[in-house]
Amino acid sequence: IDAMITKYHSPKCDQDHTKARPYEQRPHLRSAYVVLAGTHMGMRDTLPSKNDRFLYKAQAEVETKLPTSDGRCLASEMMESIDVHAFVMALITDINNQSKTADR
Protein backbone atom coordinates (compact mmCIF):
# COMPACT_ATOMS: atom_id res chain seq x y z
CA ILE A 1 0.00 0.00 0.00
CA ASP A 2 2.84 2.38 0.79
CA ALA A 3 4.32 1.84 -2.68
CA MET A 4 0.97 2.68 -4.25
CA ILE A 5 0.67 5.81 -2.12
CA THR A 6 4.17 6.86 -3.15
CA LYS A 7 3.37 6.17 -6.82
CA TYR A 8 0.20 8.26 -6.92
CA HIS A 9 0.55 10.81 -4.13
CA SER A 10 4.25 11.62 -3.73
CA PRO A 11 5.80 13.97 -2.65
CA LYS A 12 2.83 15.69 -1.00
CA CYS A 13 1.83 12.63 1.02
CA ASP A 14 5.01 12.91 3.11
CA GLN A 15 4.89 16.64 3.78
CA ASP A 16 3.94 18.07 7.14
CA HIS A 17 0.68 19.78 8.05
CA THR A 18 1.90 23.17 6.85
CA LYS A 19 2.16 21.90 3.26
CA ALA A 20 -0.41 19.09 3.01
CA ARG A 21 -3.92 18.77 4.36
CA PRO A 22 -4.47 15.80 6.70
CA TYR A 23 -6.37 13.80 4.08
CA GLU A 24 -3.43 14.23 1.68
CA GLN A 25 -0.96 12.70 4.15
CA ARG A 26 0.22 9.09 4.11
CA PRO A 27 -1.54 7.77 7.28
CA HIS A 28 -4.97 8.88 6.10
CA LEU A 29 -4.35 7.85 2.50
CA ARG A 30 -3.35 4.41 3.83
CA SER A 31 -6.73 4.19 5.55
CA ALA A 32 -8.49 4.99 2.28
CA TYR A 33 -6.53 2.31 0.40
CA VAL A 34 -7.17 -0.28 3.13
CA VAL A 35 -10.90 0.41 3.06
CA LEU A 36 -10.94 0.29 -0.73
CA ALA A 37 -8.85 -2.84 -1.31
CA GLY A 38 -8.04 -4.41 2.06
CA THR A 39 -10.69 -7.09 2.12
CA HIS A 40 -9.83 -8.05 -1.48
CA MET A 41 -6.22 -8.53 -0.33
CA GLY A 42 -7.20 -10.76 2.57
CA MET A 43 -6.83 -8.17 5.32
CA ARG A 44 -9.02 -9.24 8.21
CA ASP A 45 -9.19 -6.11 10.31
CA THR A 46 -10.03 -2.98 8.35
CA LEU A 47 -12.06 -1.41 11.18
CA PRO A 48 -9.32 0.96 12.39
CA SER A 49 -9.04 2.35 8.86
CA LYS A 50 -12.81 2.69 8.63
CA ASN A 51 -12.72 4.81 11.78
CA ASP A 52 -10.11 7.27 10.46
CA ARG A 53 -11.58 10.73 11.01
CA PHE A 54 -10.28 11.93 7.63
CA LEU A 55 -11.36 8.80 5.74
CA TYR A 56 -14.01 10.36 3.51
CA LYS A 57 -11.78 13.20 2.34
CA ALA A 58 -8.86 10.77 1.90
CA GLN A 59 -11.09 8.49 -0.20
CA ALA A 60 -12.02 11.46 -2.40
CA GLU A 61 -8.31 12.29 -2.75
CA VAL A 62 -7.51 8.69 -3.74
CA GLU A 63 -10.31 8.63 -6.31
CA THR A 64 -8.87 11.74 -8.02
CA LYS A 65 -5.46 10.05 -8.45
CA LEU A 66 -6.25 6.43 -9.28
CA PRO A 67 -7.11 5.11 -12.74
CA THR A 68 -9.92 3.06 -11.13
CA SER A 69 -11.90 3.02 -7.91
CA ASP A 70 -12.58 -0.72 -8.20
CA GLY A 71 -11.17 -2.31 -5.05
CA ARG A 72 -10.57 -5.66 -6.78
CA CYS A 73 -8.49 -4.06 -9.55
CA LEU A 74 -6.53 -2.02 -7.06
CA ALA A 75 -5.88 -5.06 -4.87
CA SER A 76 -4.75 -7.02 -7.92
CA GLU A 77 -2.35 -4.25 -8.93
CA MET A 78 -0.90 -4.11 -5.42
CA MET A 79 -0.55 -7.89 -5.15
CA GLU A 80 1.19 -8.06 -8.54
CA SER A 81 3.66 -5.39 -7.44
CA ILE A 82 4.88 -7.40 -4.44
CA ASP A 83 8.47 -8.57 -4.77
CA VAL A 84 8.05 -12.17 -3.63
CA HIS A 85 11.74 -12.64 -2.81
CA ALA A 86 11.85 -9.48 -0.65
CA PHE A 87 8.59 -10.49 1.05
CA VAL A 88 9.87 -13.98 1.92
CA MET A 89 13.19 -12.57 3.16
CA ALA A 90 11.32 -10.14 5.42
CA LEU A 91 9.30 -13.03 6.84
CA ILE A 92 12.43 -15.08 7.44
CA THR A 93 14.09 -12.11 9.12
CA ASP A 94 11.09 -11.69 11.41
CA ILE A 95 10.85 -15.41 12.17
CA ASN A 96 14.55 -15.52 12.99
CA ASN A 97 14.18 -12.65 15.44
CA GLN A 98 14.11 -14.59 18.69
CA SER A 99 14.18 -11.56 20.95
CA LYS A 100 11.74 -11.78 23.86
CA THR A 101 10.91 -8.12 23.30
CA ALA A 102 10.16 -8.48 19.57
CA ASP A 103 7.00 -6.62 18.59
CA ARG A 104 4.76 -9.18 16.89
PDB file of N, CA and C in Angstrom:
ATOM      1  N   ILE A   1       0.833  -1.188   0.000  1.00  0.00           N
ATOM      2  CA  ILE A   1       0.000   0.000   0.000  1.00  0.00           C
ATOM      3  C   ILE A   1       0.875   1.249   0.000  1.00  0.00           C
ATOM      4  N   ASP A   2       1.960   1.213   0.764  1.00  0.00           N
ATOM      5  CA  ASP A   2       2.843   2.380   0.794  1.00  0.00           C
ATOM      6  C   ASP A   2       3.437   2.670  -0.580  1.00  0.00           C
ATOM      7  N   ALA A   3       3.774   1.629  -1.335  1.00  0.00           N
ATOM      8  CA  ALA A   3       4.322   1.835  -2.675  1.00  0.00           C
ATOM      9  C   ALA A   3       3.287   2.496  -3.586  1.00  0.00           C
ATOM     10  N   MET A   4       2.042   2.092  -3.453  1.00  0.00           N
ATOM     11  CA  MET A   4       0.967   2.679  -4.254  1.00  0.00           C
ATOM     12  C   MET A   4       0.757   4.145  -3.868  1.00  0.00           C
ATOM     13  N   ILE A   5       0.812   4.422  -2.583  1.00  0.00           N
ATOM     14  CA  ILE A   5       0.673   5.809  -2.125  1.00  0.00           C
ATOM     15  C   ILE A   5       1.810   6.657  -2.679  1.00  0.00           C
ATOM     16  N   THR A   6       3.023   6.134  -2.612  1.00  0.00           N
ATOM     17  CA  THR A   6       4.170   6.865  -3.154  1.00  0.00           C
ATOM     18  C   THR A   6       3.992   7.101  -4.648  1.00  0.00           C
ATOM     19  N   LYS A   7       3.544   6.081  -5.362  1.00  0.00           N
ATOM     20  CA  LYS A   7       3.373   6.172  -6.816  1.00  0.00           C
ATOM     21  C   LYS A   7       2.383   7.263  -7.203  1.00  0.00           C
ATOM     22  N   TYR A   8       1.265   7.350  -6.514  1.00  0.00           N
ATOM     23  CA  TYR A   8       0.195   8.256  -6.918  1.00  0.00           C
ATOM     24  C   TYR A   8       0.125   9.566  -6.131  1.00  0.00           C
ATOM     25  N   HIS A   9       0.755   9.639  -4.985  1.00  0.00           N
ATOM     26  CA  HIS A   9       0.552  10.815  -4.129  1.00  0.00           C
ATOM     27  C   HIS A   9       1.833  11.527  -3.701  1.00  0.00           C
ATOM     28  N   SER A  10       2.978  11.040  -4.141  1.00  0.00           N
ATOM     29  CA  SER A  10       4.251  11.621  -3.728  1.00  0.00           C
ATOM     30  C   SER A  10       4.516  12.903  -4.512  1.00  0.00           C
ATOM     31  N   PRO A  11       5.163  13.883  -3.965  1.00  0.00           N
ATOM     32  CA  PRO A  11       5.803  13.971  -2.652  1.00  0.00           C
ATOM     33  C   PRO A  11       4.887  14.532  -1.562  1.00  0.00           C
ATOM     34  N   LYS A  12       3.704  15.013  -1.961  1.00  0.00           N
ATOM     35  CA  LYS A  12       2.835  15.692  -1.002  1.00  0.00           C
ATOM     36  C   LYS A  12       2.449  14.824   0.184  1.00  0.00           C
ATOM     37  N   CYS A  13       2.301  13.529  -0.035  1.00  0.00           N
ATOM     38  CA  CYS A  13       1.834  12.627   1.023  1.00  0.00           C
ATOM     39  C   CYS A  13       2.782  12.580   2.220  1.00  0.00           C
ATOM     40  N   ASP A  14       4.023  12.965   2.032  1.00  0.00           N
ATOM     41  CA  ASP A  14       5.008  12.906   3.115  1.00  0.00           C
ATOM     42  C   ASP A  14       5.377  14.284   3.660  1.00  0.00           C
ATOM     43  N   GLN A  15       4.633  15.289   3.270  1.00  0.00           N
ATOM     44  CA  GLN A  15       4.893  16.636   3.782  1.00  0.00           C
ATOM     45  C   GLN A  15       4.123  16.872   5.074  1.00  0.00           C
ATOM     46  N   ASP A  16       4.603  17.809   5.853  1.00  0.00           N
ATOM     47  CA  ASP A  16       3.945  18.066   7.135  1.00  0.00           C
ATOM     48  C   ASP A  16       2.662  18.881   6.958  1.00  0.00           C
ATOM     49  N   HIS A  17       1.992  19.140   8.069  1.00  0.00           N
ATOM     50  CA  HIS A  17       0.680  19.781   8.051  1.00  0.00           C
ATOM     51  C   HIS A  17       0.680  21.198   7.496  1.00  0.00           C
ATOM     52  N   THR A  18       1.845  21.811   7.409  1.00  0.00           N
ATOM     53  CA  THR A  18       1.898  23.166   6.853  1.00  0.00           C
ATOM     54  C   THR A  18       1.868  23.151   5.327  1.00  0.00           C
ATOM     55  N   LYS A  19       2.116  21.993   4.717  1.00  0.00           N
ATOM     56  CA  LYS A  19       2.162  21.899   3.258  1.00  0.00           C
ATOM     57  C   LYS A  19       1.128  20.947   2.676  1.00  0.00           C
ATOM     58  N   ALA A  20       0.582  20.057   3.490  1.00  0.00           N
ATOM     59  CA  ALA A  20      -0.411  19.092   3.009  1.00  0.00           C
ATOM     60  C   ALA A  20      -1.557  19.017   4.014  1.00  0.00           C
ATOM     61  N   ARG A  21      -2.748  18.939   3.489  1.00  0.00           N
ATOM     62  CA  ARG A  21      -3.917  18.767   4.361  1.00  0.00           C
ATOM     63  C   ARG A  21      -3.879  17.351   4.943  1.00  0.00           C
ATOM     64  N   PRO A  22      -4.518  17.128   6.078  1.00  0.00           N
ATOM     65  CA  PRO A  22      -4.465  15.801   6.701  1.00  0.00           C
ATOM     66  C   PRO A  22      -4.862  14.670   5.754  1.00  0.00           C
ATOM     67  N   TYR A  23      -5.901  14.861   4.975  1.00  0.00           N
ATOM     68  CA  TYR A  23      -6.367  13.798   4.084  1.00  0.00           C
ATOM     69  C   TYR A  23      -5.434  13.576   2.885  1.00  0.00           C
ATOM     70  N   GLU A  24      -4.433  14.420   2.726  1.00  0.00           N
ATOM     71  CA  GLU A  24      -3.427  14.234   1.684  1.00  0.00           C
ATOM     72  C   GLU A  24      -2.168  13.554   2.224  1.00  0.00           C
ATOM     73  N   GLN A  25      -2.139  13.286   3.516  1.00  0.00           N
ATOM     74  CA  GLN A  25      -0.958  12.704   4.152  1.00  0.00           C
ATOM     75  C   GLN A  25      -1.067  11.177   4.206  1.00  0.00           C
ATOM     76  N   ARG A  26       0.098  10.544   4.221  1.00  0.00           N
ATOM     77  CA  ARG A  26       0.218   9.087   4.114  1.00  0.00           C
ATOM     78  C   ARG A  26      -0.670   8.289   5.082  1.00  0.00           C
ATOM     79  N   PRO A  27      -0.722   8.617   6.375  1.00  0.00           N
ATOM     80  CA  PRO A  27      -1.535   7.774   7.277  1.00  0.00           C
ATOM     81  C   PRO A  27      -3.013   7.720   6.892  1.00  0.00           C
ATOM     82  N   HIS A  28      -3.547   8.843   6.449  1.00  0.00           N
ATOM     83  CA  HIS A  28      -4.965   8.883   6.104  1.00  0.00           C
ATOM     84  C   HIS A  28      -5.206   8.301   4.707  1.00  0.00           C
ATOM     85  N   LEU A  29      -4.253   8.499   3.809  1.00  0.00           N
ATOM     86  CA  LEU A  29      -4.349   7.846   2.499  1.00  0.00           C
ATOM     87  C   LEU A  29      -4.291   6.333   2.658  1.00  0.00           C
ATOM     88  N   ARG A  30      -3.440   5.857   3.569  1.00  0.00           N
ATOM     89  CA  ARG A  30      -3.348   4.414   3.830  1.00  0.00           C
ATOM     90  C   ARG A  30      -4.706   3.876   4.270  1.00  0.00           C
ATOM     91  N   SER A  31      -5.389   4.620   5.118  1.00  0.00           N
ATOM     92  CA  SER A  31      -6.730   4.193   5.552  1.00  0.00           C
ATOM     93  C   SER A  31      -7.667   4.065   4.358  1.00  0.00           C
ATOM     94  N   ALA A  32      -7.615   5.027   3.461  1.00  0.00           N
ATOM     95  CA  ALA A  32      -8.490   4.988   2.284  1.00  0.00           C
ATOM     96  C   ALA A  32      -8.184   3.773   1.409  1.00  0.00           C
ATOM     97  N   TYR A  33      -6.909   3.481   1.208  1.00  0.00           N
ATOM     98  CA  TYR A  33      -6.526   2.311   0.405  1.00  0.00           C
ATOM     99  C   TYR A  33      -6.942   1.013   1.087  1.00  0.00           C
ATOM    100  N   VAL A  34      -6.773   0.939   2.395  1.00  0.00           N
ATOM    101  CA  VAL A  34      -7.165  -0.278   3.127  1.00  0.00           C
ATOM    102  C   VAL A  34      -8.666  -0.504   3.019  1.00  0.00           C
ATOM    103  N   VAL A  35      -9.449   0.552   3.171  1.00  0.00           N
ATOM    104  CA  VAL A  35     -10.898   0.411   3.065  1.00  0.00           C
ATOM    105  C   VAL A  35     -11.292   0.008   1.643  1.00  0.00           C
ATOM    106  N   LEU A  36     -10.613   0.577   0.661  1.00  0.00           N
ATOM    107  CA  LEU A  36     -10.941   0.291  -0.732  1.00  0.00           C
ATOM    108  C   LEU A  36     -10.550  -1.128  -1.153  1.00  0.00           C
ATOM    109  N   ALA A  37      -9.356  -1.571  -0.773  1.00  0.00           N
ATOM    110  CA  ALA A  37      -8.850  -2.838  -1.307  1.00  0.00           C
ATOM    111  C   ALA A  37      -8.486  -3.873  -0.254  1.00  0.00           C
ATOM    112  N   GLY A  38      -8.513  -3.519   1.001  1.00  0.00           N
ATOM    113  CA  GLY A  38      -8.039  -4.413   2.055  1.00  0.00           C
ATOM    114  C   GLY A  38      -8.698  -5.767   2.099  1.00  0.00           C
ATOM    115  N   THR A  39     -10.011  -5.798   2.042  1.00  0.00           N
ATOM    116  CA  THR A  39     -10.695  -7.094   2.120  1.00  0.00           C
ATOM    117  C   THR A  39     -10.400  -7.939   0.886  1.00  0.00           C
ATOM    118  N   HIS A  40     -10.167  -7.314  -0.249  1.00  0.00           N
ATOM    119  CA  HIS A  40      -9.828  -8.047  -1.477  1.00  0.00           C
ATOM    120  C   HIS A  40      -8.410  -8.600  -1.415  1.00  0.00           C
ATOM    121  N   MET A  41      -7.597  -8.061  -0.494  1.00  0.00           N
ATOM    122  CA  MET A  41      -6.223  -8.535  -0.329  1.00  0.00           C
ATOM    123  C   MET A  41      -6.102  -9.506   0.841  1.00  0.00           C
ATOM    124  N   GLY A  42      -7.218  -9.814   1.473  1.00  0.00           N
ATOM    125  CA  GLY A  42      -7.201 -10.761   2.573  1.00  0.00           C
ATOM    126  C   GLY A  42      -6.948 -10.138   3.938  1.00  0.00           C
ATOM    127  N   MET A  43      -7.004  -8.819   4.022  1.00  0.00           N
ATOM    128  CA  MET A  43      -6.832  -8.170   5.324  1.00  0.00           C
ATOM    129  C   MET A  43      -8.084  -8.424   6.155  1.00  0.00           C
ATOM    130  N   ARG A  44      -7.884  -8.877   7.364  1.00  0.00           N
ATOM    131  CA  ARG A  44      -9.024  -9.237   8.214  1.00  0.00           C
ATOM    132  C   ARG A  44      -9.587  -8.063   8.990  1.00  0.00           C
ATOM    133  N   ASP A  45      -8.729  -7.174   9.436  1.00  0.00           N
ATOM    134  CA  ASP A  45      -9.193  -6.105  10.309  1.00  0.00           C
ATOM    135  C   ASP A  45      -9.008  -4.747   9.642  1.00  0.00           C
ATOM    136  N   THR A  46     -10.063  -4.291   8.994  1.00  0.00           N
ATOM    137  CA  THR A  46     -10.026  -2.977   8.354  1.00  0.00           C
ATOM    138  C   THR A  46     -10.764  -1.930   9.184  1.00  0.00           C
ATOM    139  N   LEU A  47     -11.285  -2.325  10.339  1.00  0.00           N
ATOM    140  CA  LEU A  47     -12.065  -1.413  11.175  1.00  0.00           C
ATOM    141  C   LEU A  47     -11.290  -0.166  11.596  1.00  0.00           C
ATOM    142  N   PRO A  48     -10.032  -0.274  12.034  1.00  0.00           N
ATOM    143  CA  PRO A  48      -9.320   0.963  12.388  1.00  0.00           C
ATOM    144  C   PRO A  48      -9.263   1.958  11.224  1.00  0.00           C
ATOM    145  N   SER A  49      -9.066   1.459  10.029  1.00  0.00           N
ATOM    146  CA  SER A  49      -9.042   2.349   8.864  1.00  0.00           C
ATOM    147  C   SER A  49     -10.417   2.961   8.608  1.00  0.00           C
ATOM    148  N   LYS A  50     -11.455   2.184   8.825  1.00  0.00           N
ATOM    149  CA  LYS A  50     -12.814   2.692   8.626  1.00  0.00           C
ATOM    150  C   LYS A  50     -13.172   3.769   9.635  1.00  0.00           C
ATOM    151  N   ASN A  51     -12.458   3.815  10.745  1.00  0.00           N
ATOM    152  CA  ASN A  51     -12.724   4.814  11.779  1.00  0.00           C
ATOM    153  C   ASN A  51     -11.813   6.033  11.697  1.00  0.00           C
ATOM    154  N   ASP A  52     -10.989   6.119  10.657  1.00  0.00           N
ATOM    155  CA  ASP A  52     -10.109   7.270  10.464  1.00  0.00           C
ATOM    156  C   ASP A  52     -10.981   8.520  10.284  1.00  0.00           C
ATOM    157  N   ARG A  53     -10.720   9.548  11.060  1.00  0.00           N
ATOM    158  CA  ARG A  53     -11.583  10.733  11.007  1.00  0.00           C
ATOM    159  C   ARG A  53     -11.479  11.514   9.698  1.00  0.00           C
ATOM    160  N   PHE A  54     -10.427  11.275   8.921  1.00  0.00           N
ATOM    161  CA  PHE A  54     -10.278  11.932   7.631  1.00  0.00           C
ATOM    162  C   PHE A  54     -10.542  10.978   6.468  1.00  0.00           C
ATOM    163  N   LEU A  55     -11.169   9.841   6.746  1.00  0.00           N
ATOM    164  CA  LEU A  55     -11.364   8.801   5.737  1.00  0.00           C
ATOM    165  C   LEU A  55     -12.089   9.306   4.501  1.00  0.00           C
ATOM    166  N   TYR A  56     -13.201   9.978   4.664  1.00  0.00           N
ATOM    167  CA  TYR A  56     -14.010  10.361   3.510  1.00  0.00           C
ATOM    168  C   TYR A  56     -13.267  11.318   2.588  1.00  0.00           C
ATOM    169  N   LYS A  57     -12.569  12.270   3.166  1.00  0.00           N
ATOM    170  CA  LYS A  57     -11.782  13.196   2.339  1.00  0.00           C
ATOM    171  C   LYS A  57     -10.586  12.480   1.713  1.00  0.00           C
ATOM    172  N   ALA A  58      -9.972  11.535   2.452  1.00  0.00           N
ATOM    173  CA  ALA A  58      -8.859  10.769   1.902  1.00  0.00           C
ATOM    174  C   ALA A  58      -9.343   9.886   0.745  1.00  0.00           C
ATOM    175  N   GLN A  59     -10.532   9.309   0.879  1.00  0.00           N
ATOM    176  CA  GLN A  59     -11.090   8.494  -0.201  1.00  0.00           C
ATOM    177  C   GLN A  59     -11.317   9.348  -1.445  1.00  0.00           C
ATOM    178  N   ALA A  60     -11.816  10.553  -1.266  1.00  0.00           N
ATOM    179  CA  ALA A  60     -12.018  11.460  -2.403  1.00  0.00           C
ATOM    180  C   ALA A  60     -10.683  11.800  -3.054  1.00  0.00           C
ATOM    181  N   GLU A  61      -9.660  12.018  -2.236  1.00  0.00           N
ATOM    182  CA  GLU A  61      -8.315  12.294  -2.750  1.00  0.00           C
ATOM    183  C   GLU A  61      -7.787  11.109  -3.554  1.00  0.00           C
ATOM    184  N   VAL A  62      -7.973   9.906  -3.043  1.00  0.00           N
ATOM    185  CA  VAL A  62      -7.513   8.694  -3.740  1.00  0.00           C
ATOM    186  C   VAL A  62      -8.238   8.557  -5.076  1.00  0.00           C
ATOM    187  N   GLU A  63      -9.524   8.790  -5.084  1.00  0.00           N
ATOM    188  CA  GLU A  63     -10.309   8.634  -6.309  1.00  0.00           C
ATOM    189  C   GLU A  63      -9.880   9.609  -7.402  1.00  0.00           C
ATOM    190  N   THR A  64      -9.335  10.778  -7.012  1.00  0.00           N
ATOM    191  CA  THR A  64      -8.869  11.739  -8.025  1.00  0.00           C
ATOM    192  C   THR A  64      -7.547  11.310  -8.651  1.00  0.00           C
ATOM    193  N   LYS A  65      -6.792  10.440  -7.976  1.00  0.00           N
ATOM    194  CA  LYS A  65      -5.461  10.054  -8.450  1.00  0.00           C
ATOM    195  C   LYS A  65      -5.415   8.697  -9.136  1.00  0.00           C
ATOM    196  N   LEU A  66      -6.308   7.797  -8.765  1.00  0.00           N
ATOM    197  CA  LEU A  66      -6.250   6.425  -9.284  1.00  0.00           C
ATOM    198  C   LEU A  66      -6.938   6.285 -10.630  1.00  0.00           C
ATOM    199  N   PRO A  67      -6.442   5.367 -11.458  1.00  0.00           N
ATOM    200  CA  PRO A  67      -7.106   5.114 -12.737  1.00  0.00           C
ATOM    201  C   PRO A  67      -8.441   4.380 -12.568  1.00  0.00           C
ATOM    202  N   THR A  68      -8.670   3.775 -11.400  1.00  0.00           N
ATOM    203  CA  THR A  68      -9.921   3.062 -11.129  1.00  0.00           C
ATOM    204  C   THR A  68     -10.243   3.147  -9.634  1.00  0.00           C
ATOM    205  N   SER A  69     -11.515   3.079  -9.321  1.00  0.00           N
ATOM    206  CA  SER A  69     -11.901   3.019  -7.906  1.00  0.00           C
ATOM    207  C   SER A  69     -12.424   1.626  -7.554  1.00  0.00           C
ATOM    208  N   ASP A  70     -12.175   0.668  -8.436  1.00  0.00           N
ATOM    209  CA  ASP A  70     -12.575  -0.716  -8.205  1.00  0.00           C
ATOM    210  C   ASP A  70     -11.573  -1.365  -7.255  1.00  0.00           C
ATOM    211  N   GLY A  71     -12.032  -1.723  -6.068  1.00  0.00           N
ATOM    212  CA  GLY A  71     -11.168  -2.306  -5.055  1.00  0.00           C
ATOM    213  C   GLY A  71     -10.482  -3.579  -5.507  1.00  0.00           C
ATOM    214  N   ARG A  72     -11.172  -4.411  -6.284  1.00  0.00           N
ATOM    215  CA  ARG A  72     -10.568  -5.659  -6.777  1.00  0.00           C
ATOM    216  C   ARG A  72      -9.393  -5.366  -7.718  1.00  0.00           C
ATOM    217  N   CYS A  73      -9.573  -4.415  -8.615  1.00  0.00           N
ATOM    218  CA  CYS A  73      -8.490  -4.061  -9.553  1.00  0.00           C
ATOM    219  C   CYS A  73      -7.305  -3.475  -8.806  1.00  0.00           C
ATOM    220  N   LEU A  74      -7.596  -2.629  -7.850  1.00  0.00           N
ATOM    221  CA  LEU A  74      -6.533  -2.015  -7.057  1.00  0.00           C
ATOM    222  C   LEU A  74      -5.775  -3.073  -6.262  1.00  0.00           C
ATOM    223  N   ALA A  75      -6.509  -3.985  -5.631  1.00  0.00           N
ATOM    224  CA  ALA A  75      -5.876  -5.064  -4.871  1.00  0.00           C
ATOM    225  C   ALA A  75      -5.011  -5.920  -5.781  1.00  0.00           C
ATOM    226  N   SER A  76      -5.515  -6.216  -6.973  1.00  0.00           N
ATOM    227  CA  SER A  76      -4.754  -7.022  -7.924  1.00  0.00           C
ATOM    228  C   SER A  76      -3.462  -6.304  -8.318  1.00  0.00           C
ATOM    229  N   GLU A  77      -3.545  -5.007  -8.576  1.00  0.00           N
ATOM    230  CA  GLU A  77      -2.351  -4.246  -8.931  1.00  0.00           C
ATOM    231  C   GLU A  77      -1.330  -4.261  -7.795  1.00  0.00           C
ATOM    232  N   MET A  78      -1.813  -4.109  -6.570  1.00  0.00           N
ATOM    233  CA  MET A  78      -0.902  -4.112  -5.422  1.00  0.00           C
ATOM    234  C   MET A  78      -0.268  -5.490  -5.226  1.00  0.00           C
ATOM    235  N   MET A  79      -1.073  -6.538  -5.346  1.00  0.00           N
ATOM    236  CA  MET A  79      -0.553  -7.891  -5.154  1.00  0.00           C
ATOM    237  C   MET A  79       0.478  -8.239  -6.225  1.00  0.00           C
ATOM    238  N   GLU A  80       0.247  -7.790  -7.455  1.00  0.00           N
ATOM    239  CA  GLU A  80       1.191  -8.064  -8.543  1.00  0.00           C
ATOM    240  C   GLU A  80       2.501  -7.303  -8.358  1.00  0.00           C
ATOM    241  N   SER A  81       2.462  -6.208  -7.618  1.00  0.00           N
ATOM    242  CA  SER A  81       3.664  -5.391  -7.442  1.00  0.00           C
ATOM    243  C   SER A  81       4.562  -5.896  -6.307  1.00  0.00           C
ATOM    244  N   ILE A  82       4.096  -6.888  -5.568  1.00  0.00           N
ATOM    245  CA  ILE A  82       4.881  -7.402  -4.441  1.00  0.00           C
ATOM    246  C   ILE A  82       6.083  -8.178  -4.961  1.00  0.00           C
ATOM    247  N   ASP A  83       7.236  -7.836  -4.459  1.00  0.00           N
ATOM    248  CA  ASP A  83       8.471  -8.568  -4.770  1.00  0.00           C
ATOM    249  C   ASP A  83       8.496  -9.790  -3.854  1.00  0.00           C
ATOM    250  N   VAL A  84       8.191 -10.943  -4.417  1.00  0.00           N
ATOM    251  CA  VAL A  84       8.051 -12.170  -3.629  1.00  0.00           C
ATOM    252  C   VAL A  84       9.326 -12.483  -2.853  1.00  0.00           C
ATOM    253  N   HIS A  85      10.471 -12.347  -3.478  1.00  0.00           N
ATOM    254  CA  HIS A  85      11.743 -12.643  -2.806  1.00  0.00           C
ATOM    255  C   HIS A  85      11.928 -11.726  -1.598  1.00  0.00           C
ATOM    256  N   ALA A  86      11.696 -10.428  -1.770  1.00  0.00           N
ATOM    257  CA  ALA A  86      11.848  -9.484  -0.654  1.00  0.00           C
ATOM    258  C   ALA A  86      10.843  -9.786   0.455  1.00  0.00           C
ATOM    259  N   PHE A  87       9.626 -10.167   0.073  1.00  0.00           N
ATOM    260  CA  PHE A  87       8.592 -10.490   1.050  1.00  0.00           C
ATOM    261  C   PHE A  87       8.995 -11.705   1.891  1.00  0.00           C
ATOM    262  N   VAL A  88       9.452 -12.752   1.212  1.00  0.00           N
ATOM    263  CA  VAL A  88       9.865 -13.977   1.918  1.00  0.00           C
ATOM    264  C   VAL A  88      11.062 -13.683   2.820  1.00  0.00           C
ATOM    265  N   MET A  89      12.011 -12.906   2.343  1.00  0.00           N
ATOM    266  CA  MET A  89      13.185 -12.572   3.157  1.00  0.00           C
ATOM    267  C   MET A  89      12.773 -11.775   4.399  1.00  0.00           C
ATOM    268  N   ALA A  90      11.807 -10.886   4.262  1.00  0.00           N
ATOM    269  CA  ALA A  90      11.323 -10.137   5.419  1.00  0.00           C
ATOM    270  C   ALA A  90      10.664 -11.070   6.436  1.00  0.00           C
ATOM    271  N   LEU A  91       9.913 -12.059   5.940  1.00  0.00           N
ATOM    272  CA  LEU A  91       9.303 -13.034   6.844  1.00  0.00           C
ATOM    273  C   LEU A  91      10.363 -13.842   7.578  1.00  0.00           C
ATOM    274  N   ILE A  92      11.360 -14.292   6.834  1.00  0.00           N
ATOM    275  CA  ILE A  92      12.435 -15.078   7.442  1.00  0.00           C
ATOM    276  C   ILE A  92      13.167 -14.257   8.493  1.00  0.00           C
ATOM    277  N   THR A  93      13.425 -12.995   8.173  1.00  0.00           N
ATOM    278  CA  THR A  93      14.094 -12.111   9.124  1.00  0.00           C
ATOM    279  C   THR A  93      13.273 -11.984  10.392  1.00  0.00           C
ATOM    280  N   ASP A  94      11.959 -11.825  10.242  1.00  0.00           N
ATOM    281  CA  ASP A  94      11.095 -11.686  11.411  1.00  0.00           C
ATOM    282  C   ASP A  94      11.043 -12.994  12.203  1.00  0.00           C
ATOM    283  N   ILE A  95      10.919 -14.107  11.507  1.00  0.00           N
ATOM    284  CA  ILE A  95      10.854 -15.413  12.169  1.00  0.00           C
ATOM    285  C   ILE A  95      12.145 -15.691  12.931  1.00  0.00           C
ATOM    286  N   ASN A  96      13.252 -15.280  12.350  1.00  0.00           N
ATOM    287  CA  ASN A  96      14.549 -15.516  12.986  1.00  0.00           C
ATOM    288  C   ASN A  96      14.837 -14.560  14.138  1.00  0.00           C
ATOM    289  N   ASN A  97      13.998 -13.581  14.335  1.00  0.00           N
ATOM    290  CA  ASN A  97      14.176 -12.651  15.438  1.00  0.00           C
ATOM    291  C   ASN A  97      13.634 -13.319  16.698  1.00  0.00           C
ATOM    292  N   GLN A  98      14.508 -13.832  17.504  1.00  0.00           N
ATOM    293  CA  GLN A  98      14.114 -14.590  18.694  1.00  0.00           C
ATOM    294  C   GLN A  98      14.069 -13.744  19.953  1.00  0.00           C
ATOM    295  N   SER A  99      14.179 -12.452  19.795  1.00  0.00           N
ATOM    296  CA  SER A  99      14.183 -11.562  20.953  1.00  0.00           C
ATOM    297  C   SER A  99      12.871 -11.679  21.718  1.00  0.00           C
ATOM    298  N   LYS A 100      12.952 -11.720  23.042  1.00  0.00           N
ATOM    299  CA  LYS A 100      11.741 -11.782  23.857  1.00  0.00           C
ATOM    300  C   LYS A 100      10.951 -10.483  23.795  1.00  0.00           C
ATOM    301  N   THR A 101      11.595  -9.407  23.377  1.00  0.00           N
ATOM    302  CA  THR A 101      10.913  -8.117  23.301  1.00  0.00           C
ATOM    303  C   THR A 101      10.485  -7.775  21.881  1.00  0.00           C
ATOM    304  N   ALA A 102      10.561  -8.738  20.952  1.00  0.00           N
ATOM    305  CA  ALA A 102      10.161  -8.478  19.566  1.00  0.00           C
ATOM    306  C   ALA A 102       8.687  -8.101  19.515  1.00  0.00           C
ATOM    307  N   ASP A 103       8.380  -7.070  18.756  1.00  0.00           N
ATOM    308  CA  ASP A 103       6.999  -6.621  18.594  1.00  0.00           C
ATOM    309  C   ASP A 103       6.354  -7.450  17.495  1.00  0.00           C
ATOM    310  N   ARG A 104       5.410  -8.286  17.852  1.00  0.00           N
ATOM    311  CA  ARG A 104       4.762  -9.177  16.888  1.00  0.00           C
ATOM    312  C   ARG A 104       3.315  -8.818  16.703  1.00  0.00           C
TER     313      ARG A 104
END
